[in-house]
Amino acid sequence: MALIDTQTFNLSKQRLTTALSIIPNKPDVFSTSRMREARVAFISGKNVLSSIRGWLLAGGVIKNDGRQYFLTDYGQRLLTNDPKMERAGSWWSLHLNICFSERCEPYHAFFLLLGAAADYVAQDDVLISKLAGMIKDDNGDPIANASVKTNLEGVIRMFTGESPLTDLGLIDFLENKNKLKLGDPKVTDQTIIYALALARKSRFPTRITVNFRELIDSGFHHFICLSVTDFRRRLRELTRSPAWQSHFTFTEGKDLDSIHFGDKLNPPQTLLHLLLECEDTWI
């Protein structure tokens, strides 16, 4: 999977809301001819603009057609329902979109590595090497440690300072932020349902049933910061709720636990549940 191209920078609330408001009217905002105008609008330099574009593509907020960029259906829904990006559900959706994107590294590998760790992980060269060993480019070739390090700096900044993702509690820091692990955020039903819809679309597009173990082996539960036990419990609770019975069913058997995808388990429908019904879960 491709690198995000964070250029060591995060995607701040100001940068995202500016993109949502500008791109519909100025699809060539990232072109060389509009560089000065874009720098003023985003209050950013050239490298930050490249980072913003990388994050927007990774999150599925925009798509490109040559030198022009347009809001995707997802981006349009953000603009319509939460143009100021004030709701926790909007940021959960962005986080999950990046996790299931084709342009997701090292964000995706970062959550897999932290999820598999038994304790806090140090931010050091060992972490960089481990992540580099988990990532391949589009041709299946390894990624240089230096490229992983540059991109990882931007990823970690998504969970520090004034970034809204910081206040979701996805990452827990220790010792002046030199060590980190997955946090213990409040995960709403709508968040899990949307994550399942994204997993279905990106990982199991031709399947109507998957084994519980397949989801676990893919690292799905790490993206929503749940243990295997807690994830199983939540699936059990959700499948009993009338609100989600048209979305999926979870069947537990002696030798095999399975998830059957329903007609309503698709990103557009489940996104609206997340954007409009999800309670704010800021810590």
C-alpha atoms as a PDB file:
ATOM      1  CA  MET A   1       0.000   0.000   0.000  1.00  0.00           C
ATOM      2  CA  ALA A   2       1.145   3.522  -0.762  1.00  0.00           C
ATOM      3  CA  LEU A   3       2.601   6.057   1.637  1.00  0.00           C
ATOM      4  CA  ILE A   4       0.396   8.979   2.620  1.00  0.00           C
ATOM      5  CA  ASP A   5       3.139  11.559   1.952  1.00  0.00           C
ATOM      6  CA  THR A   6       2.650  13.437   5.217  1.00  0.00           C
ATOM      7  CA  GLN A   7       5.845  15.481   4.797  1.00  0.00           C
ATOM      8  CA  THR A   8       6.032  15.241   8.656  1.00  0.00           C
ATOM      9  CA  PHE A   9       2.809  17.285   9.002  1.00  0.00           C
ATOM     10  CA  ASN A  10      -0.643  16.376  10.282  1.00  0.00           C
ATOM     11  CA  LEU A  11      -4.062  17.258   8.861  1.00  0.00           C
ATOM     12  CA  SER A  12      -5.388  19.913  11.197  1.00  0.00           C
ATOM     13  CA  LYS A  13      -9.009  20.948  11.573  1.00  0.00           C
ATOM     14  CA  GLN A  14      -8.282  24.262   9.857  1.00  0.00           C
ATOM     15  CA  ARG A  15      -6.632  22.556   6.889  1.00  0.00           C
ATOM     16  CA  LEU A  16      -9.458  20.066   6.442  1.00  0.00           C
ATOM     17  CA  THR A  17     -12.291  22.582   6.731  1.00  0.00           C
ATOM     18  CA  THR A  18     -10.485  24.928   4.349  1.00  0.00           C
ATOM     19  CA  ALA A  19     -10.183  22.124   1.809  1.00  0.00           C
ATOM     20  CA  LEU A  20     -13.871  21.252   2.121  1.00  0.00           C
ATOM     21  CA  SER A  21     -14.858  24.853   1.441  1.00  0.00           C
ATOM     22  CA  ILE A  22     -12.355  25.662  -1.324  1.00  0.00           C
ATOM     23  CA  ILE A  23     -12.084  22.564  -3.513  1.00  0.00           C
ATOM     24  CA  PRO A  24     -15.684  22.535  -4.853  1.00  0.00           C
ATOM     25  CA  ASN A  25     -15.100  25.958  -6.447  1.00  0.00           C
ATOM     26  CA  LYS A  26     -11.375  25.705  -7.133  1.00  0.00           C
ATOM     27  CA  PRO A  27     -10.520  22.141  -8.174  1.00  0.00           C
ATOM     28  CA  ASP A  28      -7.072  23.277  -9.322  1.00  0.00           C
ATOM     29  CA  VAL A  29      -6.188  24.703  -5.907  1.00  0.00           C
ATOM     30  CA  PHE A  30      -3.151  22.404  -5.626  1.00  0.00           C
ATOM     31  CA  SER A  31      -1.782  23.331  -9.058  1.00  0.00           C
ATOM     32  CA  THR A  32       1.430  25.299  -9.493  1.00  0.00           C
ATOM     33  CA  SER A  33      -0.460  28.260 -10.923  1.00  0.00           C
ATOM     34  CA  ARG A  34      -2.500  28.588  -7.720  1.00  0.00           C
ATOM     35  CA  MET A  35       0.357  27.910  -5.311  1.00  0.00           C
ATOM     36  CA  ARG A  36       0.411  31.430  -3.857  1.00  0.00           C
ATOM     37  CA  GLU A  37      -3.369  31.513  -3.459  1.00  0.00           C
ATOM     38  CA  ALA A  38      -3.361  28.071  -1.811  1.00  0.00           C
ATOM     39  CA  ARG A  39      -0.605  29.056   0.613  1.00  0.00           C
ATOM     40  CA  VAL A  40      -2.668  32.038   1.744  1.00  0.00           C
ATOM     41  CA  ALA A  41      -5.897  30.039   2.077  1.00  0.00           C
ATOM     42  CA  PHE A  42      -4.335  27.176   4.009  1.00  0.00           C
ATOM     43  CA  ILE A  43      -1.853  29.416   5.853  1.00  0.00           C
ATOM     44  CA  SER A  44       0.778  26.881   4.831  1.00  0.00           C
ATOM     45  CA  GLY A  45       4.017  26.498   2.934  1.00  0.00           C
ATOM     46  CA  LYS A  46       4.688  24.327  -0.112  1.00  0.00           C
ATOM     47  CA  ASN A  47       5.549  21.156   1.816  1.00  0.00           C
ATOM     48  CA  VAL A  48       2.479  21.505   4.025  1.00  0.00           C
ATOM     49  CA  LEU A  49       0.291  21.813   0.914  1.00  0.00           C
ATOM     50  CA  SER A  50       1.709  18.526  -0.355  1.00  0.00           C
ATOM     51  CA  SER A  51       0.946  17.009   3.030  1.00  0.00           C
ATOM     52  CA  ILE A  52      -2.644  18.299   2.985  1.00  0.00           C
ATOM     53  CA  ARG A  53      -3.185  16.797  -0.449  1.00  0.00           C
ATOM     54  CA  GLY A  54      -1.705  13.487   0.706  1.00  0.00           C
ATOM     55  CA  TRP A  55      -3.932  13.310   3.782  1.00  0.00           C
ATOM     56  CA  LEU A  56      -7.057  14.247   1.810  1.00  0.00           C
ATOM     57  CA  LEU A  57      -6.357  11.511  -0.739  1.00  0.00           C
ATOM     58  CA  ALA A  58      -5.590   8.996   2.006  1.00  0.00           C
ATOM     59  CA  GLY A  59      -8.833   9.807   3.799  1.00  0.00           C
ATOM     60  CA  GLY A  60     -10.875   9.552   0.626  1.00  0.00           C
ATOM     61  CA  VAL A  61     -12.004  13.158   1.023  1.00  0.00           C
ATOM     62  CA  ILE A  62     -10.868  14.075  -2.494  1.00  0.00           C
ATOM     63  CA  LYS A  63     -10.060  12.342  -5.763  1.00  0.00           C
ATOM     64  CA  ASN A  64      -7.932  13.650  -8.580  1.00  0.00           C
ATOM     65  CA  ASP A  65      -8.492  13.917 -12.306  1.00  0.00           C
ATOM     66  CA  GLY A  66      -5.243  15.030 -13.795  1.00  0.00           C
ATOM     67  CA  ARG A  67      -4.322  18.314 -12.139  1.00  0.00           C
ATOM     68  CA  GLN A  68      -7.774  18.873 -10.689  1.00  0.00           C
ATOM     69  CA  TYR A  69      -9.193  17.580  -7.425  1.00  0.00           C
ATOM     70  CA  PHE A  70     -12.823  17.018  -6.506  1.00  0.00           C
ATOM     71  CA  LEU A  71     -14.651  16.090  -3.333  1.00  0.00           C
ATOM     72  CA  THR A  72     -15.626  12.431  -3.229  1.00  0.00           C
ATOM     73  CA  ASP A  73     -19.078  11.346  -2.103  1.00  0.00           C
ATOM     74  CA  TYR A  74     -17.555  11.024   1.362  1.00  0.00           C
ATOM     75  CA  GLY A  75     -16.105  14.529   1.175  1.00  0.00           C
ATOM     76  CA  GLN A  76     -19.459  15.903   0.033  1.00  0.00           C
ATOM     77  CA  ARG A  77     -21.188  14.274   2.995  1.00  0.00           C
ATOM     78  CA  LEU A  78     -18.699  15.838   5.393  1.00  0.00           C
ATOM     79  CA  LEU A  79     -19.281  19.237   3.790  1.00  0.00           C
ATOM     80  CA  THR A  80     -23.061  18.832   3.984  1.00  0.00           C
ATOM     81  CA  ASN A  81     -23.341  17.411   7.487  1.00  0.00           C
ATOM     82  CA  ASP A  82     -20.361  18.822   9.384  1.00  0.00           C
ATOM     83  CA  PRO A  83     -18.562  21.516   7.352  1.00  0.00           C
ATOM     84  CA  LYS A  84     -16.741  22.803  10.443  1.00  0.00           C
ATOM     85  CA  MET A  85     -15.672  19.277  11.459  1.00  0.00           C
ATOM     86  CA  GLU A  86     -16.895  19.715  15.017  1.00  0.00           C
ATOM     87  CA  ARG A  87     -18.345  16.251  15.654  1.00  0.00           C
ATOM     88  CA  ALA A  88     -16.425  13.287  16.994  1.00  0.00           C
ATOM     89  CA  GLY A  89     -18.150  11.020  14.466  1.00  0.00           C
ATOM     90  CA  SER A  90     -16.652  13.005  11.593  1.00  0.00           C
ATOM     91  CA  TRP A  91     -13.126  12.456  12.898  1.00  0.00           C
ATOM     92  CA  TRP A  92     -13.798   8.794  13.624  1.00  0.00           C
ATOM     93  CA  SER A  93     -14.895   8.441  10.006  1.00  0.00           C
ATOM     94  CA  LEU A  94     -11.702  10.083   8.748  1.00  0.00           C
ATOM     95  CA  HIS A  95      -9.568   7.839  10.950  1.00  0.00           C
ATOM     96  CA  LEU A  96     -11.311   4.712   9.667  1.00  0.00           C
ATOM     97  CA  ASN A  97     -11.196   5.841   6.046  1.00  0.00           C
ATOM     98  CA  ILE A  98      -7.429   6.185   6.295  1.00  0.00           C
ATOM     99  CA  CYS A  99      -7.093   2.757   7.926  1.00  0.00           C
ATOM    100  CA  PHE A 100      -8.909   1.119   4.997  1.00  0.00           C
ATOM    101  CA  SER A 101      -7.417   3.276   2.247  1.00  0.00           C
ATOM    102  CA  GLU A 102      -4.996   2.117  -0.430  1.00  0.00           C
ATOM    103  CA  ARG A 103      -2.893   5.158   0.471  1.00  0.00           C
ATOM    104  CA  CYS A 104      -2.656   4.480   4.192  1.00  0.00           C
ATOM    105  CA  GLU A 105       0.932   3.907   5.246  1.00  0.00           C
ATOM    106  CA  PRO A 106       2.399   4.062   7.776  1.00  0.00           C
ATOM    107  CA  TYR A 107      -0.900   4.963   9.522  1.00  0.00           C
ATOM    108  CA  HIS A 108      -2.342   1.497   8.899  1.00  0.00           C
ATOM    109  CA  ALA A 109       0.806  -0.364   9.974  1.00  0.00           C
ATOM    110  CA  PHE A 110       1.163   1.936  12.996  1.00  0.00           C
ATOM    111  CA  PHE A 111      -2.183   0.782  14.421  1.00  0.00           C
ATOM    112  CA  LEU A 112      -1.453  -2.859  13.625  1.00  0.00           C
ATOM    113  CA  LEU A 113       1.903  -2.682  15.404  1.00  0.00           C
ATOM    114  CA  LEU A 114       0.548  -0.898  18.480  1.00  0.00           C
ATOM    115  CA  GLY A 115      -2.416  -3.251  18.638  1.00  0.00           C
ATOM    116  CA  ALA A 116      -0.150  -6.287  18.681  1.00  0.00           C
ATOM    117  CA  ALA A 117       2.161  -4.820  21.347  1.00  0.00           C
ATOM    118  CA  ALA A 118       1.758  -5.915  24.949  1.00  0.00           C
ATOM    119  CA  ASP A 119       2.886  -2.577  26.407  1.00  0.00           C
ATOM    120  CA  TYR A 120       3.997   0.919  25.497  1.00  0.00           C
ATOM    121  CA  VAL A 121       6.168   1.179  22.371  1.00  0.00           C
ATOM    122  CA  ALA A 122       9.135   3.548  22.216  1.00  0.00           C
ATOM    123  CA  GLN A 123       9.425   6.078  19.417  1.00  0.00           C
ATOM    124  CA  ASP A 124      12.849   5.071  18.177  1.00  0.00           C
ATOM    125  CA  ASP A 125      14.705   3.505  15.254  1.00  0.00           C
ATOM    126  CA  VAL A 126      13.426   0.067  16.243  1.00  0.00           C
ATOM    127  CA  LEU A 127       9.855   1.250  15.695  1.00  0.00           C
ATOM    128  CA  ILE A 128      10.815   2.705  12.311  1.00  0.00           C
ATOM    129  CA  SER A 129      12.481  -0.551  11.240  1.00  0.00           C
ATOM    130  CA  LYS A 130       9.522  -2.653  12.332  1.00  0.00           C
ATOM    131  CA  LEU A 131       7.090  -0.464  10.419  1.00  0.00           C
ATOM    132  CA  ALA A 132       9.321  -0.481   7.342  1.00  0.00           C
ATOM    133  CA  GLY A 133       9.323  -4.270   7.475  1.00  0.00           C
ATOM    134  CA  MET A 134       5.520  -4.278   7.388  1.00  0.00           C
ATOM    135  CA  ILE A 135       5.136  -1.965   4.385  1.00  0.00           C
ATOM    136  CA  LYS A 136       5.622  -2.551   0.674  1.00  0.00           C
ATOM    137  CA  ASP A 137       5.150  -0.085  -2.155  1.00  0.00           C
ATOM    138  CA  ASP A 138       2.740  -0.622  -5.044  1.00  0.00           C
ATOM    139  CA  ASN A 139       5.316  -2.826  -6.787  1.00  0.00           C
ATOM    140  CA  GLY A 140       5.841  -4.998  -3.729  1.00  0.00           C
ATOM    141  CA  ASP A 141       9.233  -3.498  -2.945  1.00  0.00           C
ATOM    142  CA  PRO A 142      10.289  -2.448   0.580  1.00  0.00           C
ATOM    143  CA  ILE A 143      10.052   1.168   1.725  1.00  0.00           C
ATOM    144  CA  ALA A 144      13.183   2.964   2.922  1.00  0.00           C
ATOM    145  CA  ASN A 145      13.369   3.644   6.649  1.00  0.00           C
ATOM    146  CA  ALA A 146      13.871   7.353   5.976  1.00  0.00           C
ATOM    147  CA  SER A 147      10.590   7.564   4.063  1.00  0.00           C
ATOM    148  CA  VAL A 148       8.764   5.706   6.806  1.00  0.00           C
ATOM    149  CA  LYS A 149      10.238   8.015   9.446  1.00  0.00           C
ATOM    150  CA  THR A 150       9.187  11.168   7.591  1.00  0.00           C
ATOM    151  CA  ASN A 151       5.639   9.911   7.136  1.00  0.00           C
ATOM    152  CA  LEU A 152       5.392   8.580  10.680  1.00  0.00           C
ATOM    153  CA  GLU A 153       6.151  12.019  12.109  1.00  0.00           C
ATOM    154  CA  GLY A 154       3.021  13.315  10.418  1.00  0.00           C
ATOM    155  CA  VAL A 155       0.983  10.345  11.631  1.00  0.00           C
ATOM    156  CA  ILE A 156       2.015  10.822  15.259  1.00  0.00           C
ATOM    157  CA  ARG A 157       1.238  14.530  15.040  1.00  0.00           C
ATOM    158  CA  MET A 158      -2.349  13.555  14.215  1.00  0.00           C
ATOM    159  CA  PHE A 159      -2.633  12.438  17.841  1.00  0.00           C
ATOM    160  CA  THR A 160      -0.820  15.259  19.618  1.00  0.00           C
ATOM    161  CA  GLY A 161      -1.362  18.939  20.266  1.00  0.00           C
ATOM    162  CA  GLU A 162      -4.608  20.482  19.053  1.00  0.00           C
ATOM    163  CA  SER A 163      -5.448  17.799  16.486  1.00  0.00           C
ATOM    164  CA  PRO A 164      -9.065  16.627  17.017  1.00  0.00           C
ATOM    165  CA  LEU A 165      -7.927  13.000  16.866  1.00  0.00           C
ATOM    166  CA  THR A 166      -6.000  13.687  20.068  1.00  0.00           C
ATOM    167  CA  ASP A 167      -9.286  14.200  21.893  1.00  0.00           C
ATOM    168  CA  LEU A 168     -10.741  10.890  20.733  1.00  0.00           C
ATOM    169  CA  GLY A 169      -8.194   9.050  22.873  1.00  0.00           C
ATOM    170  CA  LEU A 170      -7.042   6.652  20.158  1.00  0.00           C
ATOM    171  CA  ILE A 171      -3.406   6.825  21.260  1.00  0.00           C
ATOM    172  CA  ASP A 172      -2.088   6.905  24.832  1.00  0.00           C
ATOM    173  CA  PHE A 173       1.286   8.596  25.391  1.00  0.00           C
ATOM    174  CA  LEU A 174       3.786   8.167  28.215  1.00  0.00           C
ATOM    175  CA  GLU A 175       7.048   9.815  29.285  1.00  0.00           C
ATOM    176  CA  ASN A 176       6.897  13.131  27.420  1.00  0.00           C
ATOM    177  CA  LYS A 177       5.257  11.371  24.467  1.00  0.00           C
ATOM    178  CA  ASN A 178       8.320   9.199  23.822  1.00  0.00           C
ATOM    179  CA  LYS A 179       6.318   6.014  24.396  1.00  0.00           C
ATOM    180  CA  LEU A 180       2.849   5.182  23.157  1.00  0.00           C
ATOM    181  CA  LYS A 181       0.215   2.485  22.846  1.00  0.00           C
ATOM    182  CA  LEU A 182      -3.372   2.149  21.695  1.00  0.00           C
ATOM    183  CA  GLY A 183      -5.723   4.147  23.871  1.00  0.00           C
ATOM    184  CA  ASP A 184      -9.056   3.212  25.375  1.00  0.00           C
ATOM    185  CA  PRO A 185     -11.533   5.457  23.543  1.00  0.00           C
ATOM    186  CA  LYS A 186     -15.292   5.272  23.777  1.00  0.00           C
ATOM    187  CA  VAL A 187     -16.318   3.332  20.675  1.00  0.00           C
ATOM    188  CA  THR A 188     -19.932   3.879  19.664  1.00  0.00           C
ATOM    189  CA  ASP A 189     -22.145   1.378  17.869  1.00  0.00           C
ATOM    190  CA  GLN A 190     -22.157   3.612  14.795  1.00  0.00           C
ATOM    191  CA  THR A 191     -18.360   3.583  14.723  1.00  0.00           C
ATOM    192  CA  ILE A 192     -18.215  -0.212  14.659  1.00  0.00           C
ATOM    193  CA  ILE A 193     -20.918  -0.447  12.000  1.00  0.00           C
ATOM    194  CA  TYR A 194     -19.120   2.024   9.732  1.00  0.00           C
ATOM    195  CA  ALA A 195     -15.823   0.199  10.222  1.00  0.00           C
ATOM    196  CA  LEU A 196     -17.501  -3.079   9.249  1.00  0.00           C
ATOM    197  CA  ALA A 197     -18.915  -1.451   6.117  1.00  0.00           C
ATOM    198  CA  LEU A 198     -15.466  -0.181   5.111  1.00  0.00           C
ATOM    199  CA  ALA A 199     -13.916  -3.589   5.767  1.00  0.00           C
ATOM    200  CA  ARG A 200     -16.576  -5.235   3.642  1.00  0.00           C
ATOM    201  CA  LYS A 201     -15.986  -2.850   0.738  1.00  0.00           C
ATOM    202  CA  SER A 202     -12.187  -2.864   0.832  1.00  0.00           C
ATOM    203  CA  ARG A 203     -11.302  -6.352   2.072  1.00  0.00           C
ATOM    204  CA  PHE A 204     -14.276  -8.586   1.227  1.00  0.00           C
ATOM    205  CA  PRO A 205     -16.063  -6.957  -1.751  1.00  0.00           C
ATOM    206  CA  THR A 206     -17.436 -10.208  -3.184  1.00  0.00           C
ATOM    207  CA  ARG A 207     -18.272 -11.899   0.108  1.00  0.00           C
ATOM    208  CA  ILE A 208     -21.514 -11.916   2.085  1.00  0.00           C
ATOM    209  CA  THR A 209     -20.054 -13.897   4.995  1.00  0.00           C
ATOM    210  CA  VAL A 210     -16.657 -13.778   6.694  1.00  0.00           C
ATOM    211  CA  ASN A 211     -15.206 -15.694   9.583  1.00  0.00           C
ATOM    212  CA  PHE A 212     -14.660 -13.787  12.797  1.00  0.00           C
ATOM    213  CA  ARG A 213     -11.061 -15.003  12.747  1.00  0.00           C
ATOM    214  CA  GLU A 214     -10.533 -13.432   9.312  1.00  0.00           C
ATOM    215  CA  LEU A 215     -11.452 -10.031  10.699  1.00  0.00           C
ATOM    216  CA  ILE A 216      -9.168 -10.511  13.676  1.00  0.00           C
ATOM    217  CA  ASP A 217      -6.274 -11.665  11.498  1.00  0.00           C
ATOM    218  CA  SER A 218      -6.695  -8.533   9.366  1.00  0.00           C
ATOM    219  CA  GLY A 219      -6.214  -6.395  12.480  1.00  0.00           C
ATOM    220  CA  PHE A 220      -9.694  -4.902  12.229  1.00  0.00           C
ATOM    221  CA  HIS A 221     -10.159  -4.620  15.996  1.00  0.00           C
ATOM    222  CA  HIS A 222      -6.952  -2.614  16.357  1.00  0.00           C
ATOM    223  CA  PHE A 223      -8.390   0.189  14.208  1.00  0.00           C
ATOM    224  CA  ILE A 224     -11.230   0.652  16.717  1.00  0.00           C
ATOM    225  CA  CYS A 225      -8.941   0.058  19.716  1.00  0.00           C
ATOM    226  CA  LEU A 226     -10.790  -2.992  21.045  1.00  0.00           C
ATOM    227  CA  SER A 227      -9.433  -6.280  22.353  1.00  0.00           C
ATOM    228  CA  VAL A 228     -10.600  -9.477  20.674  1.00  0.00           C
ATOM    229  CA  THR A 229     -12.800 -10.233  23.674  1.00  0.00           C
ATOM    230  CA  ASP A 230     -14.385  -6.782  23.709  1.00  0.00           C
ATOM    231  CA  PHE A 231     -14.902  -6.807  19.948  1.00  0.00           C
ATOM    232  CA  ARG A 232     -16.680 -10.160  20.140  1.00  0.00           C
ATOM    233  CA  ARG A 233     -18.868  -8.866  22.962  1.00  0.00           C
ATOM    234  CA  ARG A 234     -19.806  -5.753  21.016  1.00  0.00           C
ATOM    235  CA  LEU A 235     -20.716  -7.798  17.937  1.00  0.00           C
ATOM    236  CA  ARG A 236     -22.892  -9.997  20.108  1.00  0.00           C
ATOM    237  CA  GLU A 237     -24.679  -6.950  21.528  1.00  0.00           C
ATOM    238  CA  LEU A 238     -25.085  -5.261  18.153  1.00  0.00           C
ATOM    239  CA  THR A 239     -26.546  -8.284  16.407  1.00  0.00           C
ATOM    240  CA  ARG A 240     -29.260  -8.432  19.085  1.00  0.00           C
ATOM    241  CA  SER A 241     -30.255  -4.820  18.475  1.00  0.00           C
ATOM    242  CA  PRO A 242     -33.178  -4.248  16.072  1.00  0.00           C
ATOM    243  CA  ALA A 243     -31.394  -1.125  14.823  1.00  0.00           C
ATOM    244  CA  TRP A 244     -28.621  -3.147  13.162  1.00  0.00           C
ATOM    245  CA  GLN A 245     -30.268  -6.408  12.127  1.00  0.00           C
ATOM    246  CA  SER A 246     -30.468  -5.286   8.490  1.00  0.00           C
ATOM    247  CA  HIS A 247     -26.766  -4.436   8.545  1.00  0.00           C
ATOM    248  CA  PHE A 248     -25.221  -7.688   9.754  1.00  0.00           C
ATOM    249  CA  THR A 249     -25.683 -10.779  11.895  1.00  0.00           C
ATOM    250  CA  PHE A 250     -23.075 -12.396  14.093  1.00  0.00           C
ATOM    251  CA  THR A 251     -23.389 -16.138  14.523  1.00  0.00           C
ATOM    252  CA  GLU A 252     -21.369 -17.999  17.134  1.00  0.00           C
ATOM    253  CA  GLY A 253     -20.817 -21.706  16.603  1.00  0.00           C
ATOM    254  CA  LYS A 254     -18.854 -24.465  18.218  1.00  0.00           C
ATOM    255  CA  ASP A 255     -16.131 -24.465  15.603  1.00  0.00           C
ATOM    256  CA  LEU A 256     -16.758 -21.296  13.640  1.00  0.00           C
ATOM    257  CA  ASP A 257     -17.980 -17.773  14.387  1.00  0.00           C
ATOM    258  CA  SER A 258     -19.141 -15.831  11.349  1.00  0.00           C
ATOM    259  CA  ILE A 259     -20.434 -12.437  10.308  1.00  0.00           C
ATOM    260  CA  HIS A 260     -23.087 -12.216   7.604  1.00  0.00           C
ATOM    261  CA  PHE A 261     -23.244  -8.880   5.796  1.00  0.00           C
ATOM    262  CA  GLY A 262     -26.689  -7.360   5.312  1.00  0.00           C
ATOM    263  CA  ASP A 263     -27.962  -5.100   2.531  1.00  0.00           C
ATOM    264  CA  LYS A 264     -27.560  -1.929   4.582  1.00  0.00           C
ATOM    265  CA  LEU A 265     -23.925  -2.557   5.488  1.00  0.00           C
ATOM    266  CA  ASN A 266     -22.385  -0.134   3.006  1.00  0.00           C
ATOM    267  CA  PRO A 267     -20.259   2.978   3.598  1.00  0.00           C
ATOM    268  CA  PRO A 268     -22.743   5.635   2.371  1.00  0.00           C
ATOM    269  CA  GLN A 269     -25.603   4.503   4.612  1.00  0.00           C
ATOM    270  CA  THR A 270     -23.527   3.684   7.660  1.00  0.00           C
ATOM    271  CA  LEU A 271     -21.597   6.958   7.325  1.00  0.00           C
ATOM    272  CA  LEU A 272     -24.811   8.909   7.851  1.00  0.00           C
ATOM    273  CA  HIS A 273     -25.463   6.975  11.062  1.00  0.00           C
ATOM    274  CA  LEU A 274     -21.972   7.921  12.237  1.00  0.00           C
ATOM    275  CA  LEU A 275     -22.222  11.580  11.239  1.00  0.00           C
ATOM    276  CA  LEU A 276     -25.778  12.232  12.412  1.00  0.00           C
ATOM    277  CA  GLU A 277     -26.455   9.824  15.279  1.00  0.00           C
ATOM    278  CA  CYS A 278     -23.109   9.233  16.961  1.00  0.00           C
ATOM    279  CA  GLU A 279     -22.689  10.890  20.337  1.00  0.00           C
ATOM    280  CA  ASP A 280     -19.615  13.021  20.788  1.00  0.00           C
ATOM    281  CA  THR A 281     -16.957  10.937  22.494  1.00  0.00           C
ATOM    282  CA  TRP A 282     -14.294  13.553  23.158  1.00  0.00           C
ATOM    283  CA  ILE A 283     -12.196  12.710  26.209  1.00  0.00           C
END
